[in-house]
Amino acid sequence: MDSGLPDKLDLRVVTPTGELVNQTVDELVAPGAEGYFGVRPGHTPLLATLGIGELSYRTGEQWQSLTCFSGFCEVLPGRVTVLAEIGERAEDIDLGRAEAERDRALTRLRAISAEAEYAEARSSYDRAVTRIGVARRKRDIGPGL
């Protein structure tokens, strides 16, 4: 018997610099502002604020990942639209540059004396660590969670 629910999701990920993903997927995991959340076909509609993290999506057995830094996610039963402030595919990340960025952010975090400086340094660190994780996952062990 047909439940009327979709069995796939049309995923679209867009940043100010262009479209990163436009494909049909089986599920995704996104970095919400309050923590990660998963979406499968037929999900209840929602609008979520995104935080800093890795957005992963699966087609068949194959997982793909990209960075996702702030924005919004609209979820409908058969469609997910992500509007991210910054997003990068694993293959577009310069791993050496991301590691240097992480090291600079750690140095800044250790030297901070004013609370106002902490949020910016922590955000830089989180972005760098996410880039490193996404890039290494693609290069070293392949996609997956």
C-alpha atoms as a PDB file:
ATOM      1  CA  MET A   1       0.000   0.000   0.000  1.00  0.00           C
ATOM      2  CA  ASP A   2       1.355   3.447  -0.957  1.00  0.00           C
ATOM      3  CA  SER A   3       1.741   5.730   2.081  1.00  0.00           C
ATOM      4  CA  GLY A   4       1.975   8.826  -0.101  1.00  0.00           C
ATOM      5  CA  LEU A   5       5.307   9.752   1.504  1.00  0.00           C
ATOM      6  CA  PRO A   6       8.363  10.333  -0.681  1.00  0.00           C
ATOM      7  CA  ASP A   7      11.159   7.760  -0.613  1.00  0.00           C
ATOM      8  CA  LYS A   8      13.913  10.238  -1.563  1.00  0.00           C
ATOM      9  CA  LEU A   9      14.881  13.833  -0.782  1.00  0.00           C
ATOM     10  CA  ASP A  10      15.745  16.526  -3.282  1.00  0.00           C
ATOM     11  CA  LEU A  11      18.710  18.250  -1.614  1.00  0.00           C
ATOM     12  CA  ARG A  12      19.892  21.674  -2.599  1.00  0.00           C
ATOM     13  CA  VAL A  13      22.791  23.418  -0.807  1.00  0.00           C
ATOM     14  CA  VAL A  14      23.439  27.030  -1.796  1.00  0.00           C
ATOM     15  CA  THR A  15      25.992  29.592  -0.582  1.00  0.00           C
ATOM     16  CA  PRO A  16      26.543  33.211  -1.614  1.00  0.00           C
ATOM     17  CA  THR A  17      29.218  31.965  -4.040  1.00  0.00           C
ATOM     18  CA  GLY A  18      26.997  29.378  -5.741  1.00  0.00           C
ATOM     19  CA  GLU A  19      25.275  26.020  -5.589  1.00  0.00           C
ATOM     20  CA  LEU A  20      27.246  23.197  -3.936  1.00  0.00           C
ATOM     21  CA  VAL A  21      24.726  20.367  -4.158  1.00  0.00           C
ATOM     22  CA  ASN A  22      21.610  19.750  -6.225  1.00  0.00           C
ATOM     23  CA  GLN A  23      20.768  16.058  -6.192  1.00  0.00           C
ATOM     24  CA  THR A  24      18.422  13.380  -4.922  1.00  0.00           C
ATOM     25  CA  VAL A  25      19.570  11.731  -1.678  1.00  0.00           C
ATOM     26  CA  ASP A  26      18.359   9.137   0.816  1.00  0.00           C
ATOM     27  CA  GLU A  27      19.091  11.083   4.015  1.00  0.00           C
ATOM     28  CA  LEU A  28      21.193  13.868   5.481  1.00  0.00           C
ATOM     29  CA  VAL A  29      22.672  15.018   8.763  1.00  0.00           C
ATOM     30  CA  ALA A  30      23.023  18.770   9.299  1.00  0.00           C
ATOM     31  CA  PRO A  31      24.732  20.932  11.959  1.00  0.00           C
ATOM     32  CA  GLY A  32      21.867  22.759  13.663  1.00  0.00           C
ATOM     33  CA  ALA A  33      22.596  25.715  15.915  1.00  0.00           C
ATOM     34  CA  GLU A  34      21.545  23.558  18.893  1.00  0.00           C
ATOM     35  CA  GLY A  35      23.145  20.326  17.657  1.00  0.00           C
ATOM     36  CA  TYR A  36      23.091  17.951  14.723  1.00  0.00           C
ATOM     37  CA  PHE A  37      19.795  16.710  13.279  1.00  0.00           C
ATOM     38  CA  GLY A  38      18.924  14.056  10.718  1.00  0.00           C
ATOM     39  CA  VAL A  39      16.411  14.189   7.902  1.00  0.00           C
ATOM     40  CA  ARG A  40      14.873  11.308   5.970  1.00  0.00           C
ATOM     41  CA  PRO A  41      12.136  11.327   3.334  1.00  0.00           C
ATOM     42  CA  GLY A  42       8.742  12.189   4.797  1.00  0.00           C
ATOM     43  CA  HIS A  43      10.232  14.336   7.585  1.00  0.00           C
ATOM     44  CA  THR A  44       7.901  16.810   9.253  1.00  0.00           C
ATOM     45  CA  PRO A  45       8.373  20.315   7.803  1.00  0.00           C
ATOM     46  CA  LEU A  46      10.702  22.554   9.770  1.00  0.00           C
ATOM     47  CA  LEU A  47      12.944  25.575   9.460  1.00  0.00           C
ATOM     48  CA  ALA A  48      16.230  25.296  11.363  1.00  0.00           C
ATOM     49  CA  THR A  49      19.083  27.686  12.054  1.00  0.00           C
ATOM     50  CA  LEU A  50      22.441  26.146  11.184  1.00  0.00           C
ATOM     51  CA  GLY A  51      25.631  26.297  13.210  1.00  0.00           C
ATOM     52  CA  ILE A  52      29.212  25.432  12.345  1.00  0.00           C
ATOM     53  CA  GLY A  53      29.838  21.851  11.317  1.00  0.00           C
ATOM     54  CA  GLU A  54      29.787  19.099   8.747  1.00  0.00           C
ATOM     55  CA  LEU A  55      26.760  18.480   6.548  1.00  0.00           C
ATOM     56  CA  SER A  56      26.653  14.840   5.398  1.00  0.00           C
ATOM     57  CA  TYR A  57      24.281  13.217   2.950  1.00  0.00           C
ATOM     58  CA  ARG A  58      23.827   9.674   1.701  1.00  0.00           C
ATOM     59  CA  THR A  59      22.886   8.253  -1.668  1.00  0.00           C
ATOM     60  CA  GLY A  60      22.689   4.468  -1.494  1.00  0.00           C
ATOM     61  CA  GLU A  61      25.671   3.380   0.601  1.00  0.00           C
ATOM     62  CA  GLN A  62      27.800   6.403  -0.369  1.00  0.00           C
ATOM     63  CA  TRP A  63      28.156   9.284   2.123  1.00  0.00           C
ATOM     64  CA  GLN A  64      29.379  12.727   1.042  1.00  0.00           C
ATOM     65  CA  SER A  65      30.348  15.608   3.322  1.00  0.00           C
ATOM     66  CA  LEU A  66      30.878  19.322   3.108  1.00  0.00           C
ATOM     67  CA  THR A  67      31.445  22.144   5.537  1.00  0.00           C
ATOM     68  CA  CYS A  68      28.469  24.220   6.553  1.00  0.00           C
ATOM     69  CA  PHE A  69      29.007  27.443   8.455  1.00  0.00           C
ATOM     70  CA  SER A  70      25.812  29.145   9.612  1.00  0.00           C
ATOM     71  CA  GLY A  71      22.638  29.733   7.672  1.00  0.00           C
ATOM     72  CA  PHE A  72      19.213  28.138   7.445  1.00  0.00           C
ATOM     73  CA  CYS A  73      17.738  24.779   6.493  1.00  0.00           C
ATOM     74  CA  GLU A  74      14.192  24.315   5.221  1.00  0.00           C
ATOM     75  CA  VAL A  75      12.908  20.754   5.476  1.00  0.00           C
ATOM     76  CA  LEU A  76       9.815  19.533   3.617  1.00  0.00           C
ATOM     77  CA  PRO A  77       8.721  15.884   3.279  1.00  0.00           C
ATOM     78  CA  GLY A  78      10.513  15.436  -0.073  1.00  0.00           C
ATOM     79  CA  ARG A  79      12.869  18.396  -0.233  1.00  0.00           C
ATOM     80  CA  VAL A  80      15.634  20.019   1.824  1.00  0.00           C
ATOM     81  CA  THR A  81      17.051  23.435   1.003  1.00  0.00           C
ATOM     82  CA  VAL A  82      20.178  24.635   2.808  1.00  0.00           C
ATOM     83  CA  LEU A  83      21.197  28.288   2.595  1.00  0.00           C
ATOM     84  CA  ALA A  84      24.660  28.400   4.145  1.00  0.00           C
ATOM     85  CA  GLU A  85      26.809  31.476   4.712  1.00  0.00           C
ATOM     86  CA  ILE A  86      29.873  29.378   3.872  1.00  0.00           C
ATOM     87  CA  GLY A  87      30.100  25.839   2.522  1.00  0.00           C
ATOM     88  CA  GLU A  88      32.923  23.847   0.947  1.00  0.00           C
ATOM     89  CA  ARG A  89      33.225  20.455  -0.698  1.00  0.00           C
ATOM     90  CA  ALA A  90      35.950  18.235   0.744  1.00  0.00           C
ATOM     91  CA  GLU A  91      37.952  18.322  -2.475  1.00  0.00           C
ATOM     92  CA  ASP A  92      37.980  22.140  -2.419  1.00  0.00           C
ATOM     93  CA  ILE A  93      39.575  22.389   1.037  1.00  0.00           C
ATOM     94  CA  ASP A  94      43.285  23.166   1.277  1.00  0.00           C
ATOM     95  CA  LEU A  95      44.206  20.876   4.188  1.00  0.00           C
ATOM     96  CA  GLY A  96      47.534  22.603   4.909  1.00  0.00           C
ATOM     97  CA  ARG A  97      45.863  25.993   5.036  1.00  0.00           C
ATOM     98  CA  ALA A  98      43.105  24.658   7.330  1.00  0.00           C
ATOM     99  CA  GLU A  99      45.694  23.166   9.697  1.00  0.00           C
ATOM    100  CA  ALA A 100      47.588  26.482   9.797  1.00  0.00           C
ATOM    101  CA  GLU A 101      44.311  28.294  10.495  1.00  0.00           C
ATOM    102  CA  ARG A 102      43.603  25.868  13.361  1.00  0.00           C
ATOM    103  CA  ASP A 103      47.055  26.454  14.846  1.00  0.00           C
ATOM    104  CA  ARG A 104      46.649  30.258  14.641  1.00  0.00           C
ATOM    105  CA  ALA A 105      43.225  30.029  16.288  1.00  0.00           C
ATOM    106  CA  LEU A 106      44.613  27.864  19.100  1.00  0.00           C
ATOM    107  CA  THR A 107      47.408  30.375  19.709  1.00  0.00           C
ATOM    108  CA  ARG A 108      44.821  33.174  19.852  1.00  0.00           C
ATOM    109  CA  LEU A 109      42.608  31.189  22.240  1.00  0.00           C
ATOM    110  CA  ARG A 110      45.505  30.609  24.629  1.00  0.00           C
ATOM    111  CA  ALA A 111      46.442  34.315  24.651  1.00  0.00           C
ATOM    112  CA  ILE A 112      42.957  35.770  25.146  1.00  0.00           C
ATOM    113  CA  SER A 113      42.371  37.892  28.189  1.00  0.00           C
ATOM    114  CA  ALA A 114      39.105  39.573  27.178  1.00  0.00           C
ATOM    115  CA  GLU A 115      35.866  37.641  26.797  1.00  0.00           C
ATOM    116  CA  ALA A 116      34.891  39.571  23.663  1.00  0.00           C
ATOM    117  CA  GLU A 117      37.896  38.162  21.797  1.00  0.00           C
ATOM    118  CA  TYR A 118      37.023  34.593  22.745  1.00  0.00           C
ATOM    119  CA  ALA A 119      33.936  34.158  20.538  1.00  0.00           C
ATOM    120  CA  GLU A 120      35.757  35.204  17.370  1.00  0.00           C
ATOM    121  CA  ALA A 121      38.783  33.020  18.106  1.00  0.00           C
ATOM    122  CA  ARG A 122      36.585  30.044  19.010  1.00  0.00           C
ATOM    123  CA  SER A 123      34.591  30.438  15.790  1.00  0.00           C
ATOM    124  CA  SER A 124      37.836  30.483  13.758  1.00  0.00           C
ATOM    125  CA  TYR A 125      38.991  27.343  15.550  1.00  0.00           C
ATOM    126  CA  ASP A 126      35.669  25.542  14.975  1.00  0.00           C
ATOM    127  CA  ARG A 127      35.679  26.395  11.260  1.00  0.00           C
ATOM    128  CA  ALA A 128      39.265  25.172  10.861  1.00  0.00           C
ATOM    129  CA  VAL A 129      38.637  21.900  12.700  1.00  0.00           C
ATOM    130  CA  THR A 130      35.522  21.259  10.598  1.00  0.00           C
ATOM    131  CA  ARG A 131      37.459  21.870   7.376  1.00  0.00           C
ATOM    132  CA  ILE A 132      40.192  19.483   8.508  1.00  0.00           C
ATOM    133  CA  GLY A 133      37.661  16.786   9.430  1.00  0.00           C
ATOM    134  CA  VAL A 134      35.779  17.016   6.135  1.00  0.00           C
ATOM    135  CA  ALA A 135      38.974  17.081   4.064  1.00  0.00           C
ATOM    136  CA  ARG A 136      40.606  14.185   5.920  1.00  0.00           C
ATOM    137  CA  ARG A 137      37.485  12.043   5.822  1.00  0.00           C
ATOM    138  CA  LYS A 138      37.363  12.368   2.032  1.00  0.00           C
ATOM    139  CA  ARG A 139      41.099  11.787   1.535  1.00  0.00           C
ATOM    140  CA  ASP A 140      41.922   9.198   4.200  1.00  0.00           C
ATOM    141  CA  ILE A 141      38.920   7.005   4.852  1.00  0.00           C
ATOM    142  CA  GLY A 142      36.354   8.078   2.296  1.00  0.00           C
ATOM    143  CA  PRO A 143      32.909   9.423   3.078  1.00  0.00           C
ATOM    144  CA  GLY A 144      30.904   8.286   6.038  1.00  0.00           C
ATOM    145  CA  LEU A 145      29.949   9.187   9.562  1.00  0.00           C
END
